[in-house]
């Protein structure tokens, strides 16, 4: 199978990228906890992910496959910390409504477990449900890993399912003990050292 073409996204792509991520993440235990109301879960997630994607388009890198089946959102954590997204608290409350405290709790968990050494953070990797297991996510990983390896930069992420944890392990990520949401749902911190050429 020919690997998919990968392209870097621009500001006009923020909303559809956020919607693609929300669609892919609907089935995760974490998103069920974040938005218990199944009827409202996808629009709430899309609005919250749009904040993250817009932030990455300004301060990081957002890639998609040419057929738009997969999206990867990278934020550099090198040197001085990135600023928070503009008007984050207000935008988060507008996006998440009654579930805002749950998203704030998740943000706090992520911050408490985030490594301090320089790295690129894979904030989000999502593949359309009907394309999962077909190498789309791996293609997106390989594309940016090539740059990270060439520049000697590690990578970090939080895996939100056993399936994604195992995918990342196949791409060289080492897993740490999980941290958990209040309902016990785990996130696995994972770190990848650059591979020398």
N, C-alpha and C. Protein backbone atom coordinates (compact mmCIF):
# COMPACT_ATOMS: atom_id res chain seq x y z
N UNK A 1 0.84 -1.19 0.00
CA UNK A 1 0.00 0.00 0.00
C UNK A 1 0.88 1.25 0.00
N UNK A 2 0.59 2.20 -0.87
CA UNK A 2 1.36 3.44 -0.94
C UNK A 2 1.08 4.28 0.29
N UNK A 3 2.11 4.79 0.99
CA UNK A 3 1.86 5.63 2.16
C UNK A 3 1.10 6.89 1.76
N UNK A 4 0.21 7.36 2.60
CA UNK A 4 -0.55 8.56 2.26
C UNK A 4 0.35 9.79 2.23
N UNK A 5 -0.02 10.75 1.39
CA UNK A 5 0.67 12.04 1.39
C UNK A 5 0.33 12.76 2.68
N UNK A 6 1.32 13.49 3.21
CA UNK A 6 1.13 14.25 4.44
C UNK A 6 1.31 15.72 4.10
N UNK A 7 0.41 16.56 4.59
CA UNK A 7 0.55 17.99 4.34
C UNK A 7 0.36 18.77 5.64
N UNK A 8 1.00 19.92 5.71
CA UNK A 8 0.85 20.79 6.87
C UNK A 8 -0.39 21.65 6.68
N UNK A 9 -1.17 21.79 7.75
CA UNK A 9 -2.42 22.54 7.68
C UNK A 9 -2.21 24.00 8.04
N UNK A 10 -3.18 24.83 7.61
CA UNK A 10 -3.17 26.25 7.92
C UNK A 10 -4.41 26.65 8.70
N UNK A 11 -4.53 27.93 9.05
CA UNK A 11 -5.62 28.40 9.91
C UNK A 11 -7.02 28.06 9.40
N UNK A 12 -7.20 28.02 8.09
CA UNK A 12 -8.53 27.73 7.55
C UNK A 12 -8.97 26.30 7.83
N UNK A 13 -8.04 25.44 8.22
CA UNK A 13 -8.34 24.02 8.44
C UNK A 13 -8.72 23.69 9.88
N UNK A 14 -8.72 24.66 10.76
CA UNK A 14 -8.86 24.38 12.20
C UNK A 14 -10.16 23.65 12.52
N UNK A 15 -11.28 24.10 11.99
CA UNK A 15 -12.56 23.51 12.41
C UNK A 15 -12.71 22.08 11.92
N UNK A 16 -12.42 21.82 10.64
CA UNK A 16 -12.62 20.43 10.18
C UNK A 16 -11.64 19.50 10.87
N UNK A 17 -10.42 19.98 11.17
CA UNK A 17 -9.46 19.13 11.88
C UNK A 17 -10.00 18.79 13.27
N UNK A 18 -10.57 19.78 13.94
CA UNK A 18 -11.15 19.55 15.27
C UNK A 18 -12.31 18.57 15.19
N UNK A 19 -13.12 18.68 14.16
CA UNK A 19 -14.25 17.76 13.99
C UNK A 19 -13.77 16.34 13.68
N UNK A 20 -12.69 16.21 12.91
CA UNK A 20 -12.13 14.89 12.62
C UNK A 20 -11.63 14.25 13.92
N UNK A 21 -10.95 15.03 14.76
CA UNK A 21 -10.44 14.50 16.03
C UNK A 21 -11.60 14.09 16.93
N UNK A 22 -12.63 14.92 17.02
CA UNK A 22 -13.79 14.60 17.86
C UNK A 22 -14.44 13.30 17.40
N UNK A 23 -14.61 13.15 16.09
CA UNK A 23 -15.22 11.94 15.54
C UNK A 23 -14.42 10.69 15.94
N UNK A 24 -13.10 10.80 15.86
CA UNK A 24 -12.25 9.65 16.17
C UNK A 24 -12.22 9.33 17.66
N UNK A 25 -12.40 10.36 18.50
CA UNK A 25 -12.26 10.18 19.94
C UNK A 25 -13.57 9.86 20.66
N UNK A 26 -14.67 9.82 19.93
CA UNK A 26 -15.99 9.60 20.57
C UNK A 26 -16.06 8.33 21.40
N UNK A 27 -15.35 7.30 20.98
CA UNK A 27 -15.49 5.99 21.62
C UNK A 27 -14.55 5.81 22.81
N UNK A 28 -13.70 6.78 23.09
CA UNK A 28 -12.74 6.64 24.18
C UNK A 28 -13.41 6.75 25.54
N UNK A 29 -12.92 5.98 26.49
CA UNK A 29 -13.45 6.07 27.85
C UNK A 29 -13.27 7.48 28.41
N UNK A 30 -12.14 8.12 28.08
CA UNK A 30 -11.88 9.46 28.60
C UNK A 30 -12.93 10.46 28.13
N UNK A 31 -13.32 10.39 26.86
CA UNK A 31 -14.29 11.38 26.37
C UNK A 31 -15.69 11.08 26.90
N UNK A 32 -15.95 9.82 27.20
CA UNK A 32 -17.24 9.50 27.86
C UNK A 32 -17.30 10.13 29.24
N UNK A 33 -16.17 10.15 29.93
CA UNK A 33 -16.13 10.79 31.25
C UNK A 33 -16.21 12.31 31.10
N UNK A 34 -15.51 12.86 30.13
CA UNK A 34 -15.50 14.31 29.95
C UNK A 34 -16.89 14.84 29.62
N UNK A 35 -17.61 14.16 28.74
CA UNK A 35 -18.95 14.59 28.32
C UNK A 35 -19.87 13.38 28.40
N UNK A 36 -20.50 13.16 29.56
CA UNK A 36 -21.34 11.97 29.72
C UNK A 36 -22.55 11.91 28.80
N UNK A 37 -23.03 13.06 28.36
CA UNK A 37 -24.21 13.11 27.49
C UNK A 37 -23.80 12.76 26.06
N UNK A 38 -24.16 11.56 25.62
CA UNK A 38 -23.72 11.08 24.31
C UNK A 38 -24.18 12.01 23.17
N UNK A 39 -25.37 12.59 23.31
CA UNK A 39 -25.91 13.44 22.26
C UNK A 39 -25.11 14.74 22.10
N UNK A 40 -24.47 15.18 23.18
CA UNK A 40 -23.73 16.45 23.14
C UNK A 40 -22.22 16.26 23.03
N UNK A 41 -21.77 15.00 23.14
CA UNK A 41 -20.32 14.75 23.24
C UNK A 41 -19.55 15.27 22.02
N UNK A 42 -20.00 14.92 20.82
CA UNK A 42 -19.20 15.27 19.64
C UNK A 42 -19.09 16.79 19.44
N UNK A 43 -20.18 17.56 19.52
CA UNK A 43 -20.01 19.01 19.33
C UNK A 43 -19.17 19.67 20.43
N UNK A 44 -19.31 19.20 21.67
CA UNK A 44 -18.49 19.75 22.75
C UNK A 44 -17.02 19.45 22.50
N UNK A 45 -16.72 18.21 22.17
CA UNK A 45 -15.33 17.84 21.90
C UNK A 45 -14.76 18.64 20.73
N UNK A 46 -15.53 18.78 19.66
CA UNK A 46 -15.04 19.51 18.49
C UNK A 46 -14.70 20.95 18.86
N UNK A 47 -15.55 21.59 19.67
CA UNK A 47 -15.29 22.97 20.06
C UNK A 47 -14.06 23.09 20.95
N UNK A 48 -13.87 22.11 21.85
CA UNK A 48 -12.68 22.13 22.70
C UNK A 48 -11.43 21.83 21.88
N UNK A 49 -11.49 20.84 20.99
CA UNK A 49 -10.33 20.53 20.17
C UNK A 49 -9.98 21.68 19.24
N UNK A 50 -10.96 22.45 18.83
CA UNK A 50 -10.68 23.60 17.96
C UNK A 50 -9.75 24.60 18.65
N UNK A 51 -9.92 24.77 19.96
CA UNK A 51 -9.03 25.66 20.72
C UNK A 51 -7.60 25.13 20.63
N UNK A 52 -7.44 23.83 20.83
CA UNK A 52 -6.11 23.22 20.81
C UNK A 52 -5.50 23.29 19.41
N UNK A 53 -6.29 22.97 18.40
CA UNK A 53 -5.78 22.99 17.02
C UNK A 53 -5.38 24.41 16.62
N UNK A 54 -6.20 25.39 16.92
CA UNK A 54 -5.84 26.78 16.59
C UNK A 54 -4.54 27.19 17.27
N UNK A 55 -4.39 26.78 18.53
CA UNK A 55 -3.16 27.09 19.27
C UNK A 55 -1.95 26.45 18.59
N UNK A 56 -2.10 25.20 18.18
CA UNK A 56 -1.00 24.51 17.51
C UNK A 56 -0.70 25.11 16.14
N UNK A 57 -1.71 25.59 15.45
CA UNK A 57 -1.47 26.23 14.16
C UNK A 57 -0.65 27.51 14.33
N UNK A 58 -0.79 28.17 15.49
CA UNK A 58 -0.01 29.38 15.76
C UNK A 58 1.39 29.05 16.30
N UNK A 59 1.49 28.03 17.14
CA UNK A 59 2.72 27.81 17.89
C UNK A 59 3.38 26.45 17.64
N UNK A 60 2.74 25.62 16.84
CA UNK A 60 3.28 24.28 16.62
C UNK A 60 3.09 23.84 15.18
N UNK A 61 2.70 22.59 15.03
CA UNK A 61 2.56 21.98 13.71
C UNK A 61 1.32 21.11 13.70
N UNK A 62 0.52 21.24 12.66
CA UNK A 62 -0.65 20.38 12.48
C UNK A 62 -0.55 19.78 11.08
N UNK A 63 -0.57 18.45 11.03
CA UNK A 63 -0.45 17.73 9.76
C UNK A 63 -1.70 16.90 9.52
N UNK A 64 -1.98 16.64 8.26
CA UNK A 64 -3.08 15.74 7.90
C UNK A 64 -2.66 14.94 6.69
N UNK A 65 -3.29 13.78 6.54
CA UNK A 65 -3.09 13.03 5.31
C UNK A 65 -3.84 13.75 4.20
N UNK A 66 -3.38 13.55 2.97
CA UNK A 66 -3.99 14.24 1.84
C UNK A 66 -5.47 13.96 1.68
N UNK A 67 -5.90 12.77 2.09
CA UNK A 67 -7.33 12.43 2.00
C UNK A 67 -8.11 12.85 3.23
N UNK A 68 -7.42 13.53 4.16
CA UNK A 68 -8.05 14.06 5.39
C UNK A 68 -8.53 12.96 6.34
N UNK A 69 -7.99 11.76 6.20
CA UNK A 69 -8.41 10.67 7.10
C UNK A 69 -7.77 10.77 8.47
N UNK A 70 -6.59 11.42 8.55
CA UNK A 70 -5.88 11.49 9.82
C UNK A 70 -5.31 12.87 10.08
N UNK A 71 -5.18 13.21 11.36
CA UNK A 71 -4.67 14.51 11.79
C UNK A 71 -3.70 14.29 12.95
N UNK A 72 -2.57 14.99 12.92
CA UNK A 72 -1.62 14.98 14.03
C UNK A 72 -1.34 16.41 14.46
N UNK A 73 -1.40 16.66 15.77
CA UNK A 73 -1.22 17.99 16.34
C UNK A 73 0.00 17.96 17.26
N UNK A 74 1.04 18.69 16.88
CA UNK A 74 2.30 18.73 17.64
C UNK A 74 2.53 20.12 18.22
N UNK A 75 2.95 20.15 19.48
CA UNK A 75 3.32 21.41 20.14
C UNK A 75 4.76 21.29 20.63
N UNK A 76 5.65 22.19 20.18
CA UNK A 76 7.02 22.14 20.68
C UNK A 76 7.07 22.57 22.14
N UNK A 77 7.84 21.84 22.91
CA UNK A 77 8.09 22.22 24.31
C UNK A 77 9.60 22.31 24.45
N UNK A 78 10.14 23.37 23.88
CA UNK A 78 11.58 23.58 23.79
C UNK A 78 11.86 25.00 24.26
N UNK A 79 12.74 25.13 25.26
CA UNK A 79 13.05 26.46 25.77
C UNK A 79 11.90 27.00 26.61
N UNK A 80 11.59 28.27 26.41
CA UNK A 80 10.53 28.91 27.20
C UNK A 80 9.18 28.25 26.93
N UNK A 81 8.34 28.12 27.97
CA UNK A 81 7.02 27.51 27.76
C UNK A 81 6.17 28.32 26.77
N UNK A 82 5.33 27.62 26.05
CA UNK A 82 4.40 28.31 25.15
C UNK A 82 3.39 29.10 25.97
N UNK A 83 2.87 30.19 25.42
CA UNK A 83 1.79 30.88 26.10
C UNK A 83 0.53 30.02 26.06
N UNK A 84 -0.37 30.28 26.98
CA UNK A 84 -1.67 29.60 26.94
C UNK A 84 -2.47 30.12 25.75
N UNK A 85 -3.42 29.33 25.23
CA UNK A 85 -4.28 29.86 24.17
C UNK A 85 -4.97 31.15 24.62
N UNK A 86 -5.15 32.06 23.69
CA UNK A 86 -5.79 33.34 24.01
C UNK A 86 -7.19 33.12 24.58
N UNK A 87 -7.50 33.85 25.65
CA UNK A 87 -8.83 33.78 26.29
C UNK A 87 -9.24 32.34 26.61
N UNK A 88 -8.26 31.53 27.06
CA UNK A 88 -8.52 30.10 27.19
C UNK A 88 -9.67 29.79 28.13
N UNK A 89 -9.67 30.38 29.31
CA UNK A 89 -10.71 30.04 30.30
C UNK A 89 -12.10 30.34 29.76
N UNK A 90 -12.25 31.51 29.15
CA UNK A 90 -13.56 31.89 28.61
C UNK A 90 -13.96 30.99 27.44
N UNK A 91 -13.00 30.72 26.56
CA UNK A 91 -13.31 29.87 25.41
C UNK A 91 -13.64 28.44 25.84
N UNK A 92 -12.91 27.93 26.84
CA UNK A 92 -13.17 26.58 27.33
C UNK A 92 -14.57 26.50 27.93
N UNK A 93 -14.94 27.51 28.72
CA UNK A 93 -16.28 27.52 29.32
C UNK A 93 -17.36 27.59 28.25
N UNK A 94 -17.13 28.39 27.22
CA UNK A 94 -18.11 28.50 26.14
C UNK A 94 -18.24 27.18 25.38
N UNK A 95 -17.12 26.48 25.21
CA UNK A 95 -17.13 25.22 24.45
C UNK A 95 -17.73 24.08 25.25
N UNK A 96 -17.42 24.03 26.53
CA UNK A 96 -17.71 22.83 27.32
C UNK A 96 -18.87 22.96 28.28
N UNK A 97 -19.36 24.17 28.51
CA UNK A 97 -20.55 24.37 29.33
C UNK A 97 -20.45 23.70 30.69
N UNK A 98 -21.46 22.91 31.02
CA UNK A 98 -21.53 22.32 32.36
C UNK A 98 -20.39 21.35 32.64
N UNK A 99 -19.70 20.89 31.60
CA UNK A 99 -18.61 19.94 31.80
C UNK A 99 -17.24 20.60 31.86
N UNK A 100 -17.22 21.93 31.89
CA UNK A 100 -15.94 22.65 31.95
C UNK A 100 -15.06 22.18 33.10
N UNK A 101 -15.58 21.97 34.32
CA UNK A 101 -14.69 21.50 35.40
C UNK A 101 -13.99 20.19 35.08
N UNK A 102 -14.62 19.33 34.32
CA UNK A 102 -13.96 18.07 33.96
C UNK A 102 -12.78 18.31 33.02
N UNK A 103 -12.94 19.23 32.07
CA UNK A 103 -11.85 19.55 31.16
C UNK A 103 -10.72 20.26 31.90
N UNK A 104 -11.08 21.12 32.86
CA UNK A 104 -10.06 21.78 33.68
C UNK A 104 -9.28 20.74 34.48
N UNK A 105 -9.98 19.77 35.04
CA UNK A 105 -9.32 18.70 35.79
C UNK A 105 -8.34 17.93 34.88
N UNK A 106 -8.77 17.63 33.66
CA UNK A 106 -7.88 16.93 32.73
C UNK A 106 -6.67 17.78 32.39
N UNK A 107 -6.87 19.06 32.14
CA UNK A 107 -5.73 19.96 31.89
C UNK A 107 -4.74 19.92 33.05
N UNK A 108 -5.26 19.93 34.28
CA UNK A 108 -4.39 19.92 35.45
C UNK A 108 -3.62 18.60 35.56
N UNK A 109 -4.28 17.49 35.24
CA UNK A 109 -3.60 16.19 35.24
C UNK A 109 -2.48 16.18 34.20
N UNK A 110 -2.79 16.66 33.00
CA UNK A 110 -1.77 16.69 31.94
C UNK A 110 -0.58 17.55 32.39
N UNK A 111 -0.86 18.73 32.96
CA UNK A 111 0.22 19.63 33.37
C UNK A 111 1.07 19.00 34.47
N UNK A 112 0.44 18.32 35.41
CA UNK A 112 1.17 17.73 36.53
C UNK A 112 2.07 16.59 36.08
N UNK A 113 1.75 15.95 34.97
CA UNK A 113 2.51 14.79 34.51
C UNK A 113 3.41 15.09 33.32
N UNK A 114 3.44 16.35 32.88
CA UNK A 114 4.20 16.71 31.68
C UNK A 114 5.69 16.80 32.00
N UNK A 115 6.54 16.20 31.18
CA UNK A 115 7.98 16.28 31.44
C UNK A 115 8.54 17.68 31.20
N UNK A 116 9.68 17.97 31.83
CA UNK A 116 10.28 19.30 31.73
C UNK A 116 11.38 19.37 30.67
N UNK A 117 11.98 18.23 30.33
CA UNK A 117 13.03 18.24 29.31
C UNK A 117 12.47 18.67 27.96
N UNK A 118 13.31 19.27 27.13
CA UNK A 118 12.88 19.72 25.81
C UNK A 118 12.35 18.53 24.98
N UNK A 119 11.28 18.78 24.24
CA UNK A 119 10.67 17.72 23.42
C UNK A 119 9.60 18.35 22.53
N UNK A 120 9.05 17.57 21.63
CA UNK A 120 7.82 17.93 20.92
C UNK A 120 6.70 17.06 21.49
N UNK A 121 5.59 17.70 21.79
CA UNK A 121 4.44 17.02 22.41
C UNK A 121 3.41 16.68 21.34
N UNK A 122 3.14 15.40 21.18
CA UNK A 122 2.05 14.98 20.30
C UNK A 122 0.76 15.14 21.10
N UNK A 123 0.12 16.29 20.94
CA UNK A 123 -1.07 16.60 21.73
C UNK A 123 -2.26 15.75 21.30
N UNK A 124 -2.38 15.53 19.98
CA UNK A 124 -3.53 14.79 19.44
C UNK A 124 -3.11 14.04 18.18
N UNK A 125 -3.53 12.80 18.08
CA UNK A 125 -3.40 12.03 16.84
C UNK A 125 -4.72 11.31 16.64
N UNK A 126 -5.37 11.57 15.53
CA UNK A 126 -6.70 11.02 15.32
C UNK A 126 -6.84 10.52 13.88
N UNK A 127 -7.53 9.41 13.74
CA UNK A 127 -7.79 8.82 12.42
C UNK A 127 -9.29 8.52 12.34
N UNK A 128 -9.87 8.88 11.21
CA UNK A 128 -11.30 8.62 10.99
C UNK A 128 -11.62 7.15 11.31
N UNK A 129 -12.71 6.89 12.01
CA UNK A 129 -12.96 5.51 12.46
C UNK A 129 -12.89 4.45 11.37
N UNK A 130 -13.39 4.74 10.18
CA UNK A 130 -13.39 3.72 9.13
C UNK A 130 -12.02 3.53 8.48
N UNK A 131 -11.02 4.32 8.89
CA UNK A 131 -9.67 4.19 8.34
C UNK A 131 -8.66 3.72 9.39
N UNK A 132 -9.11 3.49 10.60
CA UNK A 132 -8.19 3.06 11.66
C UNK A 132 -7.66 1.66 11.35
N UNK A 133 -6.42 1.43 11.75
CA UNK A 133 -5.80 0.13 11.51
C UNK A 133 -5.27 -0.06 10.10
N UNK A 134 -5.22 1.03 9.31
CA UNK A 134 -4.76 0.94 7.93
C UNK A 134 -3.46 1.70 7.68
N UNK A 135 -2.76 2.07 8.74
CA UNK A 135 -1.46 2.71 8.60
C UNK A 135 -1.49 4.22 8.52
N UNK A 136 -2.66 4.84 8.68
CA UNK A 136 -2.76 6.30 8.58
C UNK A 136 -2.02 6.96 9.74
N UNK A 137 -2.30 6.50 10.96
CA UNK A 137 -1.63 7.06 12.13
C UNK A 137 -0.13 6.84 12.08
N UNK A 138 0.29 5.66 11.65
CA UNK A 138 1.72 5.37 11.54
C UNK A 138 2.40 6.29 10.53
N UNK A 139 1.73 6.57 9.42
CA UNK A 139 2.30 7.48 8.42
C UNK A 139 2.50 8.88 9.01
N UNK A 140 1.52 9.34 9.77
CA UNK A 140 1.64 10.66 10.39
C UNK A 140 2.78 10.67 11.42
N UNK A 141 2.90 9.61 12.18
CA UNK A 141 4.00 9.53 13.15
C UNK A 141 5.35 9.53 12.45
N UNK A 142 5.52 8.69 11.44
CA UNK A 142 6.80 8.58 10.75
C UNK A 142 7.21 9.93 10.14
N UNK A 143 6.24 10.66 9.63
CA UNK A 143 6.55 11.92 8.97
C UNK A 143 7.25 12.88 9.94
N UNK A 144 6.71 13.08 11.13
CA UNK A 144 7.34 14.03 12.05
C UNK A 144 8.51 13.41 12.81
N UNK A 145 8.45 12.10 13.05
CA UNK A 145 9.59 11.45 13.69
C UNK A 145 10.86 11.63 12.86
N UNK A 146 10.73 11.64 11.55
CA UNK A 146 11.91 11.84 10.70
C UNK A 146 12.58 13.18 11.01
N UNK A 147 11.77 14.22 11.19
CA UNK A 147 12.33 15.53 11.54
C UNK A 147 12.91 15.50 12.95
N UNK A 148 12.18 14.90 13.89
CA UNK A 148 12.67 14.83 15.27
C UNK A 148 14.01 14.09 15.33
N UNK A 149 14.11 12.97 14.62
CA UNK A 149 15.35 12.20 14.63
C UNK A 149 16.50 13.00 14.01
N UNK A 150 16.23 13.67 12.91
CA UNK A 150 17.28 14.45 12.23
C UNK A 150 17.78 15.60 13.09
N UNK A 151 16.90 16.10 13.98
CA UNK A 151 17.26 17.25 14.81
C UNK A 151 17.53 16.88 16.27
N UNK A 152 17.52 15.59 16.58
CA UNK A 152 17.84 15.15 17.93
C UNK A 152 16.85 15.56 18.99
N UNK A 153 15.57 15.59 18.64
CA UNK A 153 14.53 16.06 19.56
C UNK A 153 13.66 14.89 20.02
N UNK A 154 13.48 14.70 21.33
CA UNK A 154 12.57 13.65 21.82
C UNK A 154 11.11 14.03 21.58
N UNK A 155 10.24 13.05 21.78
CA UNK A 155 8.80 13.27 21.67
C UNK A 155 8.11 12.73 22.92
N UNK A 156 6.96 13.33 23.23
CA UNK A 156 6.17 12.92 24.39
C UNK A 156 4.70 12.92 23.99
N UNK A 157 3.92 12.05 24.62
CA UNK A 157 2.47 12.02 24.41
C UNK A 157 1.80 11.35 25.60
N UNK A 158 0.49 11.46 25.63
CA UNK A 158 -0.33 10.74 26.61
C UNK A 158 -1.26 9.82 25.82
N UNK A 159 -1.05 8.52 25.93
CA UNK A 159 -1.92 7.57 25.21
C UNK A 159 -3.21 7.40 25.99
N UNK A 160 -4.33 7.43 25.26
CA UNK A 160 -5.64 7.43 25.91
C UNK A 160 -6.36 6.09 25.81
N UNK A 161 -5.70 5.09 25.22
CA UNK A 161 -6.30 3.76 25.14
C UNK A 161 -5.18 2.74 25.02
N UNK A 162 -5.50 1.48 25.30
CA UNK A 162 -4.49 0.43 25.15
C UNK A 162 -4.07 0.29 23.69
N UNK A 163 -5.02 0.47 22.77
CA UNK A 163 -4.71 0.37 21.34
C UNK A 163 -3.70 1.42 20.92
N UNK A 164 -3.94 2.67 21.33
CA UNK A 164 -3.00 3.73 20.95
C UNK A 164 -1.67 3.55 21.69
N UNK A 165 -1.71 3.13 22.95
CA UNK A 165 -0.47 2.87 23.69
C UNK A 165 0.40 1.86 22.93
N UNK A 166 -0.22 0.80 22.45
CA UNK A 166 0.52 -0.24 21.75
C UNK A 166 1.05 0.26 20.40
N UNK A 167 0.27 1.10 19.71
CA UNK A 167 0.74 1.70 18.46
C UNK A 167 1.99 2.53 18.71
N UNK A 168 1.93 3.39 19.72
CA UNK A 168 3.07 4.26 20.00
C UNK A 168 4.30 3.44 20.43
N UNK A 169 4.07 2.38 21.18
CA UNK A 169 5.20 1.52 21.58
C UNK A 169 5.91 0.95 20.35
N UNK A 170 5.13 0.60 19.32
CA UNK A 170 5.74 0.08 18.09
C UNK A 170 6.57 1.14 17.37
N UNK A 171 6.33 2.41 17.69
CA UNK A 171 7.08 3.51 17.07
C UNK A 171 8.16 4.06 18.00
N UNK A 172 8.53 3.28 19.00
CA UNK A 172 9.69 3.64 19.81
C UNK A 172 9.40 4.38 21.10
N UNK A 173 8.14 4.55 21.47
CA UNK A 173 7.81 5.23 22.72
C UNK A 173 7.89 4.27 23.90
N UNK A 174 8.46 4.76 24.99
CA UNK A 174 8.54 4.00 26.24
C UNK A 174 7.39 4.46 27.14
N UNK A 175 6.69 3.50 27.72
CA UNK A 175 5.51 3.83 28.52
C UNK A 175 5.88 3.95 29.99
N UNK A 176 5.23 4.89 30.68
CA UNK A 176 5.36 5.05 32.13
C UNK A 176 4.06 4.64 32.79
N UNK A 177 4.08 4.60 34.13
CA UNK A 177 2.86 4.28 34.87
C UNK A 177 1.76 5.27 34.53
N UNK A 178 0.54 4.80 34.35
CA UNK A 178 -0.54 5.72 33.97
C UNK A 178 -0.96 6.63 35.12
N UNK A 179 -1.47 7.79 34.74
CA UNK A 179 -2.24 8.60 35.68
C UNK A 179 -3.70 8.44 35.29
N UNK A 180 -4.61 8.77 36.20
CA UNK A 180 -6.01 8.38 35.99
C UNK A 180 -7.00 9.51 36.24
N UNK A 181 -8.08 9.47 35.47
CA UNK A 181 -9.23 10.32 35.74
C UNK A 181 -9.93 9.83 37.01
N UNK A 182 -10.82 10.65 37.56
CA UNK A 182 -11.51 10.23 38.78
C UNK A 182 -12.28 8.91 38.67
N UNK A 183 -12.71 8.54 37.47
CA UNK A 183 -13.43 7.27 37.31
C UNK A 183 -12.48 6.09 37.08
N UNK A 184 -11.17 6.35 37.12
CA UNK A 184 -10.18 5.29 36.94
C UNK A 184 -9.64 5.17 35.53
N UNK A 185 -10.18 5.90 34.58
CA UNK A 185 -9.70 5.82 33.19
C UNK A 185 -8.24 6.26 33.12
N UNK A 186 -7.37 5.41 32.52
CA UNK A 186 -5.94 5.73 32.50
C UNK A 186 -5.51 6.54 31.28
N UNK A 187 -4.47 7.32 31.49
CA UNK A 187 -3.66 7.91 30.42
C UNK A 187 -2.23 7.45 30.66
N UNK A 188 -1.58 6.95 29.61
CA UNK A 188 -0.21 6.48 29.74
C UNK A 188 0.76 7.52 29.20
N UNK A 189 1.60 8.13 30.06
CA UNK A 189 2.65 9.01 29.54
C UNK A 189 3.68 8.18 28.77
N UNK A 190 4.09 8.68 27.62
CA UNK A 190 5.04 7.93 26.79
C UNK A 190 6.09 8.88 26.22
N UNK A 191 7.32 8.41 26.19
CA UNK A 191 8.47 9.23 25.78
C UNK A 191 9.26 8.49 24.71
N UNK A 192 9.68 9.22 23.69
CA UNK A 192 10.47 8.64 22.61
C UNK A 192 11.76 9.43 22.43
N UNK A 193 12.88 8.76 22.60
CA UNK A 193 14.17 9.37 22.30
C UNK A 193 14.39 9.38 20.80
N UNK A 194 15.07 10.42 20.28
CA UNK A 194 15.34 10.44 18.83
C UNK A 194 16.24 9.28 18.43
N UNK A 195 16.04 8.79 17.24
CA UNK A 195 16.83 7.69 16.72
C UNK A 195 17.95 8.26 15.87
N UNK A 196 19.17 7.88 16.18
CA UNK A 196 20.32 8.38 15.44
C UNK A 196 20.32 7.80 14.03
N UNK A 197 20.71 8.62 13.06
CA UNK A 197 20.70 8.18 11.66
C UNK A 197 21.81 7.22 11.32
